[in-house]
Amino acid sequence: KIIKNFEIKIISTPGHTQGSVCIFISNYLFTGDTLMNGEIGRTDLPGGSKKVLIESLKKISVLPKDINIYPGHGIPTNIDFELKNNQKLIKVLK
């Protein structure tokens, strides 16, 4: 098989855990437990920090609105949908 060249970006998104990252490939963002459909990551586990998670969510929120999100749990979504409908995300970004 031929695989076209593509760029992979690792975005540091701590908060859920100290070493959390999102992986950005083309128009796809693999968010793990940082951002999920209708949810944001928990911060009550060892190494979690709500303040740090909010900064990570701010990084994600300014990415192009049509980026497809594949979270660690639940169904895929996109940034535009989450910014309009994810009440937990909306609340922490205010």
PDB file of N, CA and C in Angstrom:
ATOM      1  N   LYS A   1       0.832  -1.189   0.000  1.00  0.00           N
ATOM      2  CA  LYS A   1       0.000   0.000   0.000  1.00  0.00           C
ATOM      3  C   LYS A   1       0.868   1.241   0.000  1.00  0.00           C
ATOM      4  N   ILE A   2       0.365   2.261  -0.615  1.00  0.00           N
ATOM      5  CA  ILE A   2       1.035   3.553  -0.611  1.00  0.00           C
ATOM      6  C   ILE A   2       0.361   4.431   0.438  1.00  0.00           C
ATOM      7  N   ILE A   3       1.160   4.971   1.302  1.00  0.00           N
ATOM      8  CA  ILE A   3       0.654   5.895   2.311  1.00  0.00           C
ATOM      9  C   ILE A   3       1.189   7.275   1.985  1.00  0.00           C
ATOM     10  N   LYS A   4       0.287   8.213   1.792  1.00  0.00           N
ATOM     11  CA  LYS A   4       0.703   9.575   1.487  1.00  0.00           C
ATOM     12  C   LYS A   4       1.405  10.185   2.689  1.00  0.00           C
ATOM     13  N   ASN A   5       2.255  11.150   2.413  1.00  0.00           N
ATOM     14  CA  ASN A   5       2.894  11.876   3.513  1.00  0.00           C
ATOM     15  C   ASN A   5       1.865  12.700   4.263  1.00  0.00           C
ATOM     16  N   PHE A   6       1.972  12.682   5.547  1.00  0.00           N
ATOM     17  CA  PHE A   6       1.119  13.520   6.365  1.00  0.00           C
ATOM     18  C   PHE A   6       1.885  13.910   7.615  1.00  0.00           C
ATOM     19  N   GLU A   7       1.472  15.012   8.180  1.00  0.00           N
ATOM     20  CA  GLU A   7       2.141  15.539   9.361  1.00  0.00           C
ATOM     21  C   GLU A   7       1.365  15.142  10.610  1.00  0.00           C
ATOM     22  N   ILE A   8       2.088  14.725  11.617  1.00  0.00           N
ATOM     23  CA  ILE A   8       1.503  14.405  12.910  1.00  0.00           C
ATOM     24  C   ILE A   8       2.001  15.438  13.902  1.00  0.00           C
ATOM     25  N   LYS A   9       1.076  16.067  14.618  1.00  0.00           N
ATOM     26  CA  LYS A   9       1.441  17.043  15.638  1.00  0.00           C
ATOM     27  C   LYS A   9       0.994  16.526  16.991  1.00  0.00           C
ATOM     28  N   ILE A  10       1.851  16.635  17.959  1.00  0.00           N
ATOM     29  CA  ILE A  10       1.530  16.288  19.329  1.00  0.00           C
ATOM     30  C   ILE A  10       1.299  17.593  20.077  1.00  0.00           C
ATOM     31  N   ILE A  11       0.128  17.744  20.673  1.00  0.00           N
ATOM     32  CA  ILE A  11      -0.226  18.953  21.404  1.00  0.00           C
ATOM     33  C   ILE A  11      -0.283  18.601  22.887  1.00  0.00           C
ATOM     34  N   SER A  12       0.536  19.243  23.659  1.00  0.00           N
ATOM     35  CA  SER A  12       0.528  19.014  25.104  1.00  0.00           C
ATOM     36  C   SER A  12      -0.769  19.561  25.686  1.00  0.00           C
ATOM     37  N   THR A  13      -1.549  18.690  26.332  1.00  0.00           N
ATOM     38  CA  THR A  13      -2.833  19.098  26.913  1.00  0.00           C
ATOM     39  C   THR A  13      -2.990  18.500  28.315  1.00  0.00           C
ATOM     40  N   PRO A  14      -2.102  18.864  29.219  1.00  0.00           N
ATOM     41  CA  PRO A  14      -2.225  18.334  30.580  1.00  0.00           C
ATOM     42  C   PRO A  14      -3.478  18.873  31.269  1.00  0.00           C
ATOM     43  N   GLY A  15      -3.790  18.254  32.366  1.00  0.00           N
ATOM     44  CA  GLY A  15      -4.948  18.681  33.150  1.00  0.00           C
ATOM     45  C   GLY A  15      -5.703  17.467  33.646  1.00  0.00           C
ATOM     46  N   HIS A  16      -6.087  16.591  32.712  1.00  0.00           N
ATOM     47  CA  HIS A  16      -6.694  15.323  33.121  1.00  0.00           C
ATOM     48  C   HIS A  16      -5.628  14.505  33.848  1.00  0.00           C
ATOM     49  N   THR A  17      -4.458  14.447  33.239  1.00  0.00           N
ATOM     50  CA  THR A  17      -3.254  13.914  33.870  1.00  0.00           C
ATOM     51  C   THR A  17      -2.120  14.855  33.492  1.00  0.00           C
ATOM     52  N   GLN A  18      -0.994  14.737  34.158  1.00  0.00           N
ATOM     53  CA  GLN A  18       0.134  15.636  33.891  1.00  0.00           C
ATOM     54  C   GLN A  18       0.676  15.481  32.479  1.00  0.00           C
ATOM     55  N   GLY A  19       0.652  14.290  31.941  1.00  0.00           N
ATOM     56  CA  GLY A  19       1.264  14.057  30.632  1.00  0.00           C
ATOM     57  C   GLY A  19       0.288  13.934  29.488  1.00  0.00           C
ATOM     58  N   SER A  20      -0.943  14.371  29.661  1.00  0.00           N
ATOM     59  CA  SER A  20      -1.939  14.240  28.598  1.00  0.00           C
ATOM     60  C   SER A  20      -1.505  14.973  27.335  1.00  0.00           C
ATOM     61  N   VAL A  21      -1.785  14.349  26.199  1.00  0.00           N
ATOM     62  CA  VAL A  21      -1.523  14.963  24.898  1.00  0.00           C
ATOM     63  C   VAL A  21      -2.706  14.704  23.978  1.00  0.00           C
ATOM     64  N   CYS A  22      -2.832  15.534  22.968  1.00  0.00           N
ATOM     65  CA  CYS A  22      -3.742  15.296  21.860  1.00  0.00           C
ATOM     66  C   CYS A  22      -2.867  15.070  20.636  1.00  0.00           C
ATOM     67  N   ILE A  23      -3.329  14.227  19.759  1.00  0.00           N
ATOM     68  CA  ILE A  23      -2.586  13.923  18.540  1.00  0.00           C
ATOM     69  C   ILE A  23      -3.403  14.441  17.367  1.00  0.00           C
ATOM     70  N   PHE A  24      -2.768  15.307  16.572  1.00  0.00           N
ATOM     71  CA  PHE A  24      -3.417  15.976  15.448  1.00  0.00           C
ATOM     72  C   PHE A  24      -2.841  15.423  14.157  1.00  0.00           C
ATOM     73  N   ILE A  25      -3.714  14.797  13.347  1.00  0.00           N
ATOM     74  CA  ILE A  25      -3.313  14.233  12.060  1.00  0.00           C
ATOM     75  C   ILE A  25      -4.325  14.716  11.027  1.00  0.00           C
ATOM     76  N   SER A  26      -3.858  15.478  10.043  1.00  0.00           N
ATOM     77  CA  SER A  26      -4.731  16.057   9.019  1.00  0.00           C
ATOM     78  C   SER A  26      -5.844  16.845   9.684  1.00  0.00           C
ATOM     79  N   ASN A  27      -7.087  16.412   9.489  1.00  0.00           N
ATOM     80  CA  ASN A  27      -8.248  17.101  10.051  1.00  0.00           C
ATOM     81  C   ASN A  27      -8.822  16.325  11.238  1.00  0.00           C
ATOM     82  N   TYR A  28      -7.995  15.507  11.859  1.00  0.00           N
ATOM     83  CA  TYR A  28      -8.440  14.638  12.947  1.00  0.00           C
ATOM     84  C   TYR A  28      -7.649  14.938  14.209  1.00  0.00           C
ATOM     85  N   LEU A  29      -8.364  15.098  15.314  1.00  0.00           N
ATOM     86  CA  LEU A  29      -7.738  15.360  16.600  1.00  0.00           C
ATOM     87  C   LEU A  29      -8.151  14.256  17.563  1.00  0.00           C
ATOM     88  N   PHE A  30      -7.169  13.494  18.000  1.00  0.00           N
ATOM     89  CA  PHE A  30      -7.395  12.419  18.957  1.00  0.00           C
ATOM     90  C   PHE A  30      -7.144  13.007  20.344  1.00  0.00           C
ATOM     91  N   THR A  31      -8.229  13.179  21.114  1.00  0.00           N
ATOM     92  CA  THR A  31      -8.167  13.957  22.340  1.00  0.00           C
ATOM     93  C   THR A  31      -8.052  13.131  23.618  1.00  0.00           C
ATOM     94  N   GLY A  32      -8.115  11.824  23.520  1.00  0.00           N
ATOM     95  CA  GLY A  32      -8.045  11.015  24.731  1.00  0.00           C
ATOM     96  C   GLY A  32      -9.131  11.432  25.706  1.00  0.00           C
ATOM     97  N   ASP A  33      -8.740  11.751  26.938  1.00  0.00           N
ATOM     98  CA  ASP A  33      -9.711  12.157  27.958  1.00  0.00           C
ATOM     99  C   ASP A  33      -9.718  13.668  28.200  1.00  0.00           C
ATOM    100  N   THR A  34      -9.085  14.436  27.330  1.00  0.00           N
ATOM    101  CA  THR A  34      -9.083  15.888  27.491  1.00  0.00           C
ATOM    102  C   THR A  34     -10.441  16.473  27.133  1.00  0.00           C
ATOM    103  N   LEU A  35     -10.967  16.080  25.978  1.00  0.00           N
ATOM    104  CA  LEU A  35     -12.256  16.586  25.498  1.00  0.00           C
ATOM    105  C   LEU A  35     -13.001  15.443  24.837  1.00  0.00           C
ATOM    106  N   MET A  36     -14.250  15.252  25.254  1.00  0.00           N
ATOM    107  CA  MET A  36     -15.102  14.208  24.698  1.00  0.00           C
ATOM    108  C   MET A  36     -16.442  14.818  24.304  1.00  0.00           C
ATOM    109  N   ASN A  37     -17.246  14.083  23.589  1.00  0.00           N
ATOM    110  CA  ASN A  37     -18.547  14.564  23.161  1.00  0.00           C
ATOM    111  C   ASN A  37     -19.390  14.900  24.391  1.00  0.00           C
ATOM    112  N   GLY A  38     -19.615  16.187  24.617  1.00  0.00           N
ATOM    113  CA  GLY A  38     -20.419  16.658  25.729  1.00  0.00           C
ATOM    114  C   GLY A  38     -19.728  16.643  27.082  1.00  0.00           C
ATOM    115  N   GLU A  39     -18.453  16.341  27.109  1.00  0.00           N
ATOM    116  CA  GLU A  39     -17.717  16.210  28.370  1.00  0.00           C
ATOM    117  C   GLU A  39     -16.329  16.844  28.265  1.00  0.00           C
ATOM    118  N   ILE A  40     -15.756  17.102  29.419  1.00  0.00           N
ATOM    119  CA  ILE A  40     -14.345  17.463  29.499  1.00  0.00           C
ATOM    120  C   ILE A  40     -13.702  16.472  30.464  1.00  0.00           C
ATOM    121  N   GLY A  41     -12.393  16.410  30.456  1.00  0.00           N
ATOM    122  CA  GLY A  41     -11.685  15.448  31.289  1.00  0.00           C
ATOM    123  C   GLY A  41     -11.872  15.677  32.770  1.00  0.00           C
ATOM    124  N   ARG A  42     -11.813  14.578  33.506  1.00  0.00           N
ATOM    125  CA  ARG A  42     -11.858  14.658  34.966  1.00  0.00           C
ATOM    126  C   ARG A  42     -10.537  15.222  35.468  1.00  0.00           C
ATOM    127  N   THR A  43     -10.608  15.879  36.604  1.00  0.00           N
ATOM    128  CA  THR A  43      -9.382  16.431  37.202  1.00  0.00           C
ATOM    129  C   THR A  43      -9.212  15.985  38.647  1.00  0.00           C
ATOM    130  N   ASP A  44     -10.035  15.044  39.087  1.00  0.00           N
ATOM    131  CA  ASP A  44      -9.995  14.609  40.477  1.00  0.00           C
ATOM    132  C   ASP A  44      -9.077  13.404  40.719  1.00  0.00           C
ATOM    133  N   LEU A  45      -8.374  12.979  39.702  1.00  0.00           N
ATOM    134  CA  LEU A  45      -7.441  11.868  39.836  1.00  0.00           C
ATOM    135  C   LEU A  45      -6.039  12.401  40.108  1.00  0.00           C
ATOM    136  N   PRO A  46      -5.136  11.559  40.610  1.00  0.00           N
ATOM    137  CA  PRO A  46      -3.759  12.037  40.866  1.00  0.00           C
ATOM    138  C   PRO A  46      -3.146  12.686  39.619  1.00  0.00           C
ATOM    139  N   GLY A  47      -2.577  13.860  39.793  1.00  0.00           N
ATOM    140  CA  GLY A  47      -1.958  14.588  38.684  1.00  0.00           C
ATOM    141  C   GLY A  47      -2.914  15.481  37.921  1.00  0.00           C
ATOM    142  N   GLY A  48      -4.200  15.408  38.241  1.00  0.00           N
ATOM    143  CA  GLY A  48      -5.182  16.240  37.560  1.00  0.00           C
ATOM    144  C   GLY A  48      -5.198  17.655  38.112  1.00  0.00           C
ATOM    145  N   SER A  49      -5.554  18.605  37.245  1.00  0.00           N
ATOM    146  CA  SER A  49      -5.635  20.003  37.659  1.00  0.00           C
ATOM    147  C   SER A  49      -6.668  20.719  36.795  1.00  0.00           C
ATOM    148  N   LYS A  50      -7.721  21.232  37.428  1.00  0.00           N
ATOM    149  CA  LYS A  50      -8.751  21.946  36.669  1.00  0.00           C
ATOM    150  C   LYS A  50      -8.168  23.180  35.988  1.00  0.00           C
ATOM    151  N   LYS A  51      -7.339  23.916  36.696  1.00  0.00           N
ATOM    152  CA  LYS A  51      -6.731  25.125  36.129  1.00  0.00           C
ATOM    153  C   LYS A  51      -5.913  24.794  34.878  1.00  0.00           C
ATOM    154  N   VAL A  52      -5.128  23.737  34.948  1.00  0.00           N
ATOM    155  CA  VAL A  52      -4.288  23.334  33.812  1.00  0.00           C
ATOM    156  C   VAL A  52      -5.154  22.787  32.682  1.00  0.00           C
ATOM    157  N   LEU A  53      -6.194  22.017  33.011  1.00  0.00           N
ATOM    158  CA  LEU A  53      -7.095  21.495  31.982  1.00  0.00           C
ATOM    159  C   LEU A  53      -7.760  22.627  31.223  1.00  0.00           C
ATOM    160  N   ILE A  54      -8.170  23.666  31.920  1.00  0.00           N
ATOM    161  CA  ILE A  54      -8.801  24.810  31.254  1.00  0.00           C
ATOM    162  C   ILE A  54      -7.848  25.420  30.224  1.00  0.00           C
ATOM    163  N   GLU A  55      -6.585  25.551  30.561  1.00  0.00           N
ATOM    164  CA  GLU A  55      -5.602  26.083  29.597  1.00  0.00           C
ATOM    165  C   GLU A  55      -5.479  25.166  28.385  1.00  0.00           C
ATOM    166  N   SER A  56      -5.509  23.870  28.613  1.00  0.00           N
ATOM    167  CA  SER A  56      -5.440  22.914  27.504  1.00  0.00           C
ATOM    168  C   SER A  56      -6.676  23.004  26.627  1.00  0.00           C
ATOM    169  N   LEU A  57      -7.843  23.140  27.232  1.00  0.00           N
ATOM    170  CA  LEU A  57      -9.081  23.271  26.468  1.00  0.00           C
ATOM    171  C   LEU A  57      -9.093  24.562  25.654  1.00  0.00           C
ATOM    172  N   LYS A  58      -8.482  25.608  26.171  1.00  0.00           N
ATOM    173  CA  LYS A  58      -8.362  26.859  25.407  1.00  0.00           C
ATOM    174  C   LYS A  58      -7.543  26.632  24.144  1.00  0.00           C
ATOM    175  N   LYS A  59      -6.472  25.841  24.241  1.00  0.00           N
ATOM    176  CA  LYS A  59      -5.656  25.521  23.056  1.00  0.00           C
ATOM    177  C   LYS A  59      -6.499  24.831  21.990  1.00  0.00           C
ATOM    178  N   ILE A  60      -7.295  23.869  22.421  1.00  0.00           N
ATOM    179  CA  ILE A  60      -8.122  23.108  21.490  1.00  0.00           C
ATOM    180  C   ILE A  60      -9.219  23.986  20.897  1.00  0.00           C
ATOM    181  N   SER A  61      -9.789  24.869  21.689  1.00  0.00           N
ATOM    182  CA  SER A  61     -10.935  25.668  21.260  1.00  0.00           C
ATOM    183  C   SER A  61     -10.629  26.632  20.124  1.00  0.00           C
ATOM    184  N   VAL A  62      -9.364  26.967  19.909  1.00  0.00           N
ATOM    185  CA  VAL A  62      -9.024  27.909  18.839  1.00  0.00           C
ATOM    186  C   VAL A  62      -8.603  27.207  17.551  1.00  0.00           C
ATOM    187  N   LEU A  63      -8.629  25.886  17.544  1.00  0.00           N
ATOM    188  CA  LEU A  63      -8.332  25.149  16.315  1.00  0.00           C
ATOM    189  C   LEU A  63      -9.492  25.323  15.342  1.00  0.00           C
ATOM    190  N   PRO A  64      -9.275  25.075  14.053  1.00  0.00           N
ATOM    191  CA  PRO A  64     -10.370  25.236  13.086  1.00  0.00           C
ATOM    192  C   PRO A  64     -11.625  24.466  13.505  1.00  0.00           C
ATOM    193  N   LYS A  65     -12.765  25.085  13.323  1.00  0.00           N
ATOM    194  CA  LYS A  65     -14.042  24.555  13.808  1.00  0.00           C
ATOM    195  C   LYS A  65     -14.439  23.214  13.193  1.00  0.00           C
ATOM    196  N   ASP A  66     -13.930  22.919  11.996  1.00  0.00           N
ATOM    197  CA  ASP A  66     -14.341  21.684  11.323  1.00  0.00           C
ATOM    198  C   ASP A  66     -13.472  20.474  11.663  1.00  0.00           C
ATOM    199  N   ILE A  67     -12.545  20.627  12.590  1.00  0.00           N
ATOM    200  CA  ILE A  67     -11.684  19.503  12.958  1.00  0.00           C
ATOM    201  C   ILE A  67     -12.514  18.425  13.644  1.00  0.00           C
ATOM    202  N   ASN A  68     -12.341  17.197  13.187  1.00  0.00           N
ATOM    203  CA  ASN A  68     -13.031  16.049  13.756  1.00  0.00           C
ATOM    204  C   ASN A  68     -12.306  15.584  15.003  1.00  0.00           C
ATOM    205  N   ILE A  69     -13.066  15.356  16.070  1.00  0.00           N
ATOM    206  CA  ILE A  69     -12.511  14.932  17.345  1.00  0.00           C
ATOM    207  C   ILE A  69     -12.830  13.457  17.568  1.00  0.00           C
ATOM    208  N   TYR A  70     -11.795  12.699  17.870  1.00  0.00           N
ATOM    209  CA  TYR A  70     -11.946  11.297  18.243  1.00  0.00           C
ATOM    210  C   TYR A  70     -11.450  11.161  19.680  1.00  0.00           C
ATOM    211  N   PRO A  71     -12.396  11.114  20.626  1.00  0.00           N
ATOM    212  CA  PRO A  71     -12.021  11.067  22.038  1.00  0.00           C
ATOM    213  C   PRO A  71     -11.666   9.653  22.494  1.00  0.00           C
ATOM    214  N   GLY A  72     -11.153   9.566  23.701  1.00  0.00           N
ATOM    215  CA  GLY A  72     -10.827   8.275  24.286  1.00  0.00           C
ATOM    216  C   GLY A  72     -12.071   7.494  24.677  1.00  0.00           C
ATOM    217  N   HIS A  73     -13.205   8.183  24.842  1.00  0.00           N
ATOM    218  CA  HIS A  73     -14.465   7.556  25.223  1.00  0.00           C
ATOM    219  C   HIS A  73     -15.581   8.202  24.424  1.00  0.00           C
ATOM    220  N   GLY A  74     -16.595   7.438  24.103  1.00  0.00           N
ATOM    221  CA  GLY A  74     -17.776   8.001  23.463  1.00  0.00           C
ATOM    222  C   GLY A  74     -17.638   8.145  21.962  1.00  0.00           C
ATOM    223  N   ILE A  75     -18.592   8.878  21.395  1.00  0.00           N
ATOM    224  CA  ILE A  75     -18.662   9.008  19.940  1.00  0.00           C
ATOM    225  C   ILE A  75     -17.866  10.209  19.444  1.00  0.00           C
ATOM    226  N   PRO A  76     -17.411  10.154  18.195  1.00  0.00           N
ATOM    227  CA  PRO A  76     -16.685  11.291  17.622  1.00  0.00           C
ATOM    228  C   PRO A  76     -17.551  12.543  17.583  1.00  0.00           C
ATOM    229  N   THR A  77     -16.890  13.674  17.467  1.00  0.00           N
ATOM    230  CA  THR A  77     -17.568  14.965  17.436  1.00  0.00           C
ATOM    231  C   THR A  77     -16.691  15.919  16.633  1.00  0.00           C
ATOM    232  N   ASN A  78     -16.939  17.207  16.711  1.00  0.00           N
ATOM    233  CA  ASN A  78     -16.040  18.189  16.105  1.00  0.00           C
ATOM    234  C   ASN A  78     -16.006  19.429  16.988  1.00  0.00           C
ATOM    235  N   ILE A  79     -15.044  20.273  16.740  1.00  0.00           N
ATOM    236  CA  ILE A  79     -14.841  21.431  17.603  1.00  0.00           C
ATOM    237  C   ILE A  79     -16.045  22.370  17.569  1.00  0.00           C
ATOM    238  N   ASP A  80     -16.607  22.593  16.399  1.00  0.00           N
ATOM    239  CA  ASP A  80     -17.751  23.492  16.288  1.00  0.00           C
ATOM    240  C   ASP A  80     -18.914  22.996  17.157  1.00  0.00           C
ATOM    241  N   PHE A  81     -19.235  21.718  17.072  1.00  0.00           N
ATOM    242  CA  PHE A  81     -20.332  21.149  17.867  1.00  0.00           C
ATOM    243  C   PHE A  81     -20.064  21.327  19.360  1.00  0.00           C
ATOM    244  N   GLU A  82     -18.840  21.041  19.787  1.00  0.00           N
ATOM    245  CA  GLU A  82     -18.515  21.138  21.215  1.00  0.00           C
ATOM    246  C   GLU A  82     -18.582  22.579  21.711  1.00  0.00           C
ATOM    247  N   LEU A  83     -18.108  23.515  20.921  1.00  0.00           N
ATOM    248  CA  LEU A  83     -18.150  24.918  21.338  1.00  0.00           C
ATOM    249  C   LEU A  83     -19.586  25.444  21.444  1.00  0.00           C
ATOM    250  N   LYS A  84     -20.500  24.842  20.707  1.00  0.00           N
ATOM    251  CA  LYS A  84     -21.899  25.276  20.738  1.00  0.00           C
ATOM    252  C   LYS A  84     -22.745  24.481  21.727  1.00  0.00           C
ATOM    253  N   ASN A  85     -22.367  23.232  22.033  1.00  0.00           N
ATOM    254  CA  ASN A  85     -23.254  22.342  22.767  1.00  0.00           C
ATOM    255  C   ASN A  85     -22.700  21.744  24.053  1.00  0.00           C
ATOM    256  N   ASN A  86     -21.400  21.723  24.226  1.00  0.00           N
ATOM    257  CA  ASN A  86     -20.795  21.106  25.405  1.00  0.00           C
ATOM    258  C   ASN A  86     -20.811  22.121  26.544  1.00  0.00           C
ATOM    259  N   GLN A  87     -21.828  22.009  27.409  1.00  0.00           N
ATOM    260  CA  GLN A  87     -22.015  22.998  28.469  1.00  0.00           C
ATOM    261  C   GLN A  87     -20.825  23.070  29.429  1.00  0.00           C
ATOM    262  N   LYS A  88     -20.172  21.945  29.667  1.00  0.00           N
ATOM    263  CA  LYS A  88     -18.999  21.962  30.551  1.00  0.00           C
ATOM    264  C   LYS A  88     -17.849  22.724  29.914  1.00  0.00           C
ATOM    265  N   LEU A  89     -17.652  22.533  28.625  1.00  0.00           N
ATOM    266  CA  LEU A  89     -16.612  23.260  27.901  1.00  0.00           C
ATOM    267  C   LEU A  89     -16.941  24.751  27.861  1.00  0.00           C
ATOM    268  N   ILE A  90     -18.163  25.074  27.504  1.00  0.00           N
ATOM    269  CA  ILE A  90     -18.592  26.481  27.427  1.00  0.00           C
ATOM    270  C   ILE A  90     -18.360  27.174  28.757  1.00  0.00           C
ATOM    271  N   LYS A  91     -18.715  26.517  29.850  1.00  0.00           N
ATOM    272  CA  LYS A  91     -18.577  27.098  31.178  1.00  0.00           C
ATOM    273  C   LYS A  91     -17.116  27.402  31.528  1.00  0.00           C
ATOM    274  N   VAL A  92     -16.209  26.463  31.263  1.00  0.00           N
ATOM    275  CA  VAL A  92     -14.800  26.694  31.653  1.00  0.00           C
ATOM    276  C   VAL A  92     -14.089  27.669  30.728  1.00  0.00           C
ATOM    277  N   LEU A  93     -14.600  27.872  29.522  1.00  0.00           N
ATOM    278  CA  LEU A  93     -13.961  28.813  28.593  1.00  0.00           C
ATOM    279  C   LEU A  93     -14.401  30.256  28.846  1.00  0.00           C
ATOM    280  N   LYS A  94     -15.408  30.472  29.653  1.00  0.00           N
ATOM    281  CA  LYS A  94     -15.887  31.840  29.944  1.00  0.00           C
ATOM    282  C   LYS A  94     -14.911  32.574  30.830  1.00  0.00           C
TER     283      LYS A  94
END
